[in-house]
Amino acid sequence: MKRAILLLAGLGVLVGAAFAHPEGLQHGGMMSGMGPMAGMHGGDAQFQDDMRLVHEMLASYRKLKRSVTNLPDGIRTVTESDDAQAAEALKAHVASMQKRLAEGRIFNLFSPTLPVLFEKKDRIRTTVETTARGVIVTQTSDDAEVVAALQAHAVEVSELASGGMAAMHRAMAAAKRAAR
């Protein structure tokens, strides 16, 4: 239990942050042979652009403001920045991740929640409201497993939004330990 709590606390998708391959850490990919980094993109041509956005947001994490409200059937997140460049990167990232989810094109670095969300993507109702400074995302479901995964993923993303690259490195190390 303690290991699971530490893993969840250390993880974070980035702002929806990166969506996963259903086989996640076990599937070979761009960094095959590197344990938890394996299967990061599965040959997706959009991967590099999405990673650029993730790195841009992680580098600008101190400029992000994020709040999460757990709903009985999901989550409502507000992620914004007073910095115009960070806000635009955030909007582009959320749009790309929403499109990936709708199309089932996975993007994951280390999240244990994303495989569930991709597997059950048709059970998620998503609304995205773009604001001048970022996005408001509401995701709900009638499936209790999906609701739990949405809420746990929001914790993962919040950790990245508050800790930047250091949080990503902690999450990757935790995923590597858990995969052993």
C-alpha atoms as a PDB file:
ATOM      1  CA  MET A   1       0.000   0.000   0.000  1.00  0.00           C
ATOM      2  CA  LYS A   2       2.780   2.400   0.942  1.00  0.00           C
ATOM      3  CA  ARG A   3       4.518   1.643  -2.362  1.00  0.00           C
ATOM      4  CA  ALA A   4       1.305   2.372  -4.289  1.00  0.00           C
ATOM      5  CA  ILE A   5       0.795   5.676  -2.473  1.00  0.00           C
ATOM      6  CA  LEU A   6       4.397   6.697  -3.161  1.00  0.00           C
ATOM      7  CA  LEU A   7       4.021   5.718  -6.793  1.00  0.00           C
ATOM      8  CA  LEU A   8       0.849   7.774  -7.201  1.00  0.00           C
ATOM      9  CA  ALA A   9       2.366  10.706  -5.359  1.00  0.00           C
ATOM     10  CA  GLY A  10       5.483  10.582  -7.504  1.00  0.00           C
ATOM     11  CA  LEU A  11       3.661  10.335 -10.815  1.00  0.00           C
ATOM     12  CA  GLY A  12       2.010  13.035 -12.668  1.00  0.00           C
ATOM     13  CA  VAL A  13       0.724  13.535 -17.133  1.00  0.00           C
ATOM     14  CA  LEU A  14       1.419  16.127 -17.262  1.00  0.00           C
ATOM     15  CA  VAL A  15      -1.744  18.022 -17.830  1.00  0.00           C
ATOM     16  CA  GLY A  16      -3.476  15.119 -19.120  1.00  0.00           C
ATOM     17  CA  ALA A  17       0.087  14.919 -19.545  1.00  0.00           C
ATOM     18  CA  ALA A  18       0.832  12.182 -21.641  1.00  0.00           C
ATOM     19  CA  PHE A  19      -1.478   9.363 -22.509  1.00  0.00           C
ATOM     20  CA  ALA A  20      -0.430   5.715 -22.409  1.00  0.00           C
ATOM     21  CA  HIS A  21      -0.117   2.608 -24.506  1.00  0.00           C
ATOM     22  CA  PRO A  22      -2.509  -0.010 -23.052  1.00  0.00           C
ATOM     23  CA  GLU A  23       0.470  -2.283 -22.461  1.00  0.00           C
ATOM     24  CA  GLY A  24       2.277   0.692 -20.953  1.00  0.00           C
ATOM     25  CA  LEU A  25       5.645  -0.081 -19.477  1.00  0.00           C
ATOM     26  CA  GLN A  26       5.819  -3.647 -20.766  1.00  0.00           C
ATOM     27  CA  HIS A  27       5.562  -2.779 -24.471  1.00  0.00           C
ATOM     28  CA  GLY A  28       8.704  -2.091 -26.514  1.00  0.00           C
ATOM     29  CA  GLY A  29       9.040   1.309 -28.166  1.00  0.00           C
ATOM     30  CA  MET A  30      11.424   4.140 -28.895  1.00  0.00           C
ATOM     31  CA  MET A  31      13.494   3.407 -25.823  1.00  0.00           C
ATOM     32  CA  SER A  32      13.004  -0.362 -25.832  1.00  0.00           C
ATOM     33  CA  GLY A  33      15.204  -2.132 -23.358  1.00  0.00           C
ATOM     34  CA  MET A  34      15.056   0.747 -20.896  1.00  0.00           C
ATOM     35  CA  GLY A  35      12.417  -0.703 -18.568  1.00  0.00           C
ATOM     36  CA  PRO A  36       9.700   1.793 -17.686  1.00  0.00           C
ATOM     37  CA  MET A  37      10.567   4.065 -20.568  1.00  0.00           C
ATOM     38  CA  ALA A  38       9.737   1.354 -23.097  1.00  0.00           C
ATOM     39  CA  GLY A  39       6.587   1.802 -25.138  1.00  0.00           C
ATOM     40  CA  MET A  40       6.495   5.569 -24.873  1.00  0.00           C
ATOM     41  CA  HIS A  41       5.072   6.207 -28.306  1.00  0.00           C
ATOM     42  CA  GLY A  42       4.576   3.050 -30.340  1.00  0.00           C
ATOM     43  CA  GLY A  43       5.766   4.721 -33.566  1.00  0.00           C
ATOM     44  CA  ASP A  44       3.457   7.745 -33.387  1.00  0.00           C
ATOM     45  CA  ALA A  45       4.685  10.521 -35.690  1.00  0.00           C
ATOM     46  CA  GLN A  46       3.198  13.202 -33.403  1.00  0.00           C
ATOM     47  CA  PHE A  47       5.264  11.976 -30.448  1.00  0.00           C
ATOM     48  CA  GLN A  48       8.136  14.459 -30.831  1.00  0.00           C
ATOM     49  CA  ASP A  49       5.812  17.474 -30.999  1.00  0.00           C
ATOM     50  CA  ASP A  50       3.917  16.255 -27.942  1.00  0.00           C
ATOM     51  CA  MET A  51       7.159  15.670 -26.029  1.00  0.00           C
ATOM     52  CA  ARG A  52       8.318  19.196 -26.929  1.00  0.00           C
ATOM     53  CA  LEU A  53       5.134  20.577 -25.349  1.00  0.00           C
ATOM     54  CA  VAL A  54       5.575  18.403 -22.261  1.00  0.00           C
ATOM     55  CA  HIS A  55       9.151  19.572 -21.804  1.00  0.00           C
ATOM     56  CA  GLU A  56       8.132  23.195 -22.355  1.00  0.00           C
ATOM     57  CA  MET A  57       5.457  22.920 -19.654  1.00  0.00           C
ATOM     58  CA  LEU A  58       7.779  21.088 -17.262  1.00  0.00           C
ATOM     59  CA  ALA A  59      10.384  23.821 -17.745  1.00  0.00           C
ATOM     60  CA  SER A  60       7.690  26.453 -17.056  1.00  0.00           C
ATOM     61  CA  TYR A  61       6.038  24.638 -14.154  1.00  0.00           C
ATOM     62  CA  ARG A  62       6.528  27.562 -11.762  1.00  0.00           C
ATOM     63  CA  LYS A  63       4.346  29.634 -14.101  1.00  0.00           C
ATOM     64  CA  LEU A  64       1.430  27.177 -13.954  1.00  0.00           C
ATOM     65  CA  LYS A  65      -1.473  27.396 -11.532  1.00  0.00           C
ATOM     66  CA  ARG A  66      -3.593  24.264 -11.183  1.00  0.00           C
ATOM     67  CA  SER A  67      -6.585  23.263  -9.128  1.00  0.00           C
ATOM     68  CA  VAL A  68      -8.445  19.964  -9.120  1.00  0.00           C
ATOM     69  CA  THR A  69     -11.952  19.316  -7.902  1.00  0.00           C
ATOM     70  CA  ASN A  70     -12.953  15.691  -7.490  1.00  0.00           C
ATOM     71  CA  LEU A  71     -16.551  15.203  -8.561  1.00  0.00           C
ATOM     72  CA  PRO A  72     -18.668  12.188  -7.607  1.00  0.00           C
ATOM     73  CA  ASP A  73     -18.360  11.035 -11.218  1.00  0.00           C
ATOM     74  CA  GLY A  74     -14.957  12.449 -12.222  1.00  0.00           C
ATOM     75  CA  ILE A  75     -12.854  15.600 -12.069  1.00  0.00           C
ATOM     76  CA  ARG A  76     -12.769  19.270 -12.929  1.00  0.00           C
ATOM     77  CA  THR A  77      -9.331  20.807 -13.399  1.00  0.00           C
ATOM     78  CA  VAL A  78      -8.340  24.398 -13.978  1.00  0.00           C
ATOM     79  CA  THR A  79      -4.796  24.884 -15.255  1.00  0.00           C
ATOM     80  CA  GLU A  80      -3.665  28.350 -16.252  1.00  0.00           C
ATOM     81  CA  SER A  81      -0.680  30.655 -16.497  1.00  0.00           C
ATOM     82  CA  ASP A  82      -0.179  34.402 -16.566  1.00  0.00           C
ATOM     83  CA  ASP A  83       2.705  33.743 -18.989  1.00  0.00           C
ATOM     84  CA  ALA A  84       1.317  33.808 -22.545  1.00  0.00           C
ATOM     85  CA  GLN A  85       3.806  31.254 -23.909  1.00  0.00           C
ATOM     86  CA  ALA A  86       3.147  28.791 -21.082  1.00  0.00           C
ATOM     87  CA  ALA A  87      -0.620  29.254 -21.519  1.00  0.00           C
ATOM     88  CA  GLU A  88      -0.380  28.536 -25.251  1.00  0.00           C
ATOM     89  CA  ALA A  89       1.748  25.422 -24.661  1.00  0.00           C
ATOM     90  CA  LEU A  90      -0.803  24.235 -22.121  1.00  0.00           C
ATOM     91  CA  LYS A  91      -3.712  24.760 -24.528  1.00  0.00           C
ATOM     92  CA  ALA A  92      -1.868  22.980 -27.339  1.00  0.00           C
ATOM     93  CA  HIS A  93      -0.978  20.074 -25.051  1.00  0.00           C
ATOM     94  CA  VAL A  94      -4.532  19.583 -23.807  1.00  0.00           C
ATOM     95  CA  ALA A  95      -5.911  19.741 -27.365  1.00  0.00           C
ATOM     96  CA  SER A  96      -3.371  17.172 -28.549  1.00  0.00           C
ATOM     97  CA  MET A  97      -4.023  14.843 -25.613  1.00  0.00           C
ATOM     98  CA  GLN A  98      -7.795  15.084 -26.100  1.00  0.00           C
ATOM     99  CA  LYS A  99      -7.376  14.213 -29.772  1.00  0.00           C
ATOM    100  CA  ARG A 100      -5.092  11.302 -28.884  1.00  0.00           C
ATOM    101  CA  LEU A 101      -7.641   9.947 -26.414  1.00  0.00           C
ATOM    102  CA  ALA A 102     -10.500  10.245 -28.908  1.00  0.00           C
ATOM    103  CA  GLU A 103      -8.431   8.470 -31.566  1.00  0.00           C
ATOM    104  CA  GLY A 104      -6.906   5.943 -29.177  1.00  0.00           C
ATOM    105  CA  ARG A 105      -3.358   7.129 -30.036  1.00  0.00           C
ATOM    106  CA  ILE A 106      -1.475   6.553 -26.841  1.00  0.00           C
ATOM    107  CA  PHE A 107       1.235   8.695 -25.237  1.00  0.00           C
ATOM    108  CA  ASN A 108       2.713   7.583 -21.935  1.00  0.00           C
ATOM    109  CA  LEU A 109       5.945   7.956 -20.081  1.00  0.00           C
ATOM    110  CA  PHE A 110       5.196   6.202 -16.811  1.00  0.00           C
ATOM    111  CA  SER A 111       1.575   6.614 -15.757  1.00  0.00           C
ATOM    112  CA  PRO A 112      -0.284   3.588 -14.379  1.00  0.00           C
ATOM    113  CA  THR A 113      -3.642   5.358 -14.817  1.00  0.00           C
ATOM    114  CA  LEU A 114      -3.508   6.010 -18.530  1.00  0.00           C
ATOM    115  CA  PRO A 115      -3.890   2.409 -19.699  1.00  0.00           C
ATOM    116  CA  VAL A 116      -7.285   2.273 -17.948  1.00  0.00           C
ATOM    117  CA  LEU A 117      -8.325   5.597 -19.448  1.00  0.00           C
ATOM    118  CA  PHE A 118      -7.381   4.530 -22.967  1.00  0.00           C
ATOM    119  CA  GLU A 119      -8.931   1.106 -22.603  1.00  0.00           C
ATOM    120  CA  LYS A 120     -12.201   2.679 -21.475  1.00  0.00           C
ATOM    121  CA  LYS A 121     -12.002   5.927 -23.446  1.00  0.00           C
ATOM    122  CA  ASP A 122     -15.567   5.498 -24.730  1.00  0.00           C
ATOM    123  CA  ARG A 123     -16.810   5.713 -21.138  1.00  0.00           C
ATOM    124  CA  ILE A 124     -15.318   9.183 -20.556  1.00  0.00           C
ATOM    125  CA  ARG A 125     -17.258  12.391 -21.187  1.00  0.00           C
ATOM    126  CA  THR A 126     -14.886  15.327 -21.628  1.00  0.00           C
ATOM    127  CA  THR A 127     -15.500  19.038 -21.921  1.00  0.00           C
ATOM    128  CA  VAL A 128     -12.643  21.471 -22.441  1.00  0.00           C
ATOM    129  CA  GLU A 129     -13.146  25.180 -21.952  1.00  0.00           C
ATOM    130  CA  THR A 130     -10.291  27.320 -23.218  1.00  0.00           C
ATOM    131  CA  THR A 131      -9.689  30.458 -21.208  1.00  0.00           C
ATOM    132  CA  ALA A 132      -7.424  33.398 -21.965  1.00  0.00           C
ATOM    133  CA  ARG A 133      -4.845  31.885 -19.589  1.00  0.00           C
ATOM    134  CA  GLY A 134      -5.309  28.129 -20.043  1.00  0.00           C
ATOM    135  CA  VAL A 135      -7.942  25.420 -19.851  1.00  0.00           C
ATOM    136  CA  ILE A 136     -10.732  24.053 -17.716  1.00  0.00           C
ATOM    137  CA  VAL A 137     -11.204  20.330 -18.242  1.00  0.00           C
ATOM    138  CA  THR A 138     -14.136  18.348 -16.888  1.00  0.00           C
ATOM    139  CA  GLN A 139     -14.092  14.591 -17.299  1.00  0.00           C
ATOM    140  CA  THR A 140     -16.840  12.340 -16.000  1.00  0.00           C
ATOM    141  CA  SER A 141     -17.895   8.709 -16.282  1.00  0.00           C
ATOM    142  CA  ASP A 142     -20.501   6.281 -15.002  1.00  0.00           C
ATOM    143  CA  ASP A 143     -17.762   3.628 -14.605  1.00  0.00           C
ATOM    144  CA  ALA A 144     -16.271   3.588 -11.090  1.00  0.00           C
ATOM    145  CA  GLU A 145     -12.907   2.284 -12.338  1.00  0.00           C
ATOM    146  CA  VAL A 146     -12.694   5.146 -14.833  1.00  0.00           C
ATOM    147  CA  VAL A 147     -13.634   7.704 -12.168  1.00  0.00           C
ATOM    148  CA  ALA A 148     -10.867   6.372  -9.902  1.00  0.00           C
ATOM    149  CA  ALA A 149      -8.370   6.494 -12.793  1.00  0.00           C
ATOM    150  CA  LEU A 150      -9.403  10.060 -13.721  1.00  0.00           C
ATOM    151  CA  GLN A 151      -8.930  11.214 -10.139  1.00  0.00           C
ATOM    152  CA  ALA A 152      -5.595   9.402  -9.745  1.00  0.00           C
ATOM    153  CA  HIS A 153      -4.373  10.818 -13.072  1.00  0.00           C
ATOM    154  CA  ALA A 154      -5.282  14.312 -11.897  1.00  0.00           C
ATOM    155  CA  VAL A 155      -2.959  13.724  -8.914  1.00  0.00           C
ATOM    156  CA  GLU A 156      -0.200  12.623 -11.284  1.00  0.00           C
ATOM    157  CA  VAL A 157      -0.609  15.718 -13.433  1.00  0.00           C
ATOM    158  CA  SER A 158      -0.756  18.020 -10.425  1.00  0.00           C
ATOM    159  CA  GLU A 159       2.523  16.575  -9.152  1.00  0.00           C
ATOM    160  CA  LEU A 160       4.167  17.398 -12.494  1.00  0.00           C
ATOM    161  CA  ALA A 161       2.601  20.858 -12.593  1.00  0.00           C
ATOM    162  CA  SER A 162       3.955  21.616  -9.124  1.00  0.00           C
ATOM    163  CA  GLY A 163       7.338  19.908  -9.438  1.00  0.00           C
ATOM    164  CA  GLY A 164       8.417  20.162 -13.079  1.00  0.00           C
ATOM    165  CA  MET A 165      11.263  18.021 -14.394  1.00  0.00           C
ATOM    166  CA  ALA A 166      12.274  16.918 -10.892  1.00  0.00           C
ATOM    167  CA  ALA A 167       8.781  15.479 -10.413  1.00  0.00           C
ATOM    168  CA  MET A 168       8.995  13.715 -13.768  1.00  0.00           C
ATOM    169  CA  HIS A 169      12.339  12.156 -12.820  1.00  0.00           C
ATOM    170  CA  ARG A 170      10.926  11.014  -9.464  1.00  0.00           C
ATOM    171  CA  ALA A 171       7.913   9.486 -11.231  1.00  0.00           C
ATOM    172  CA  MET A 172      10.085   7.710 -13.766  1.00  0.00           C
ATOM    173  CA  ALA A 173      12.289   6.291 -10.997  1.00  0.00           C
ATOM    174  CA  ALA A 174       9.216   5.133  -9.061  1.00  0.00           C
ATOM    175  CA  ALA A 175       7.823   3.448 -12.186  1.00  0.00           C
ATOM    176  CA  LYS A 176      11.138   1.723 -12.778  1.00  0.00           C
ATOM    177  CA  ARG A 177      11.202   0.424  -9.177  1.00  0.00           C
ATOM    178  CA  ALA A 178       7.587  -0.743  -9.436  1.00  0.00           C
ATOM    179  CA  ALA A 179       8.292  -2.596 -12.695  1.00  0.00           C
ATOM    180  CA  ARG A 180      10.953  -4.751 -11.015  1.00  0.00           C
END
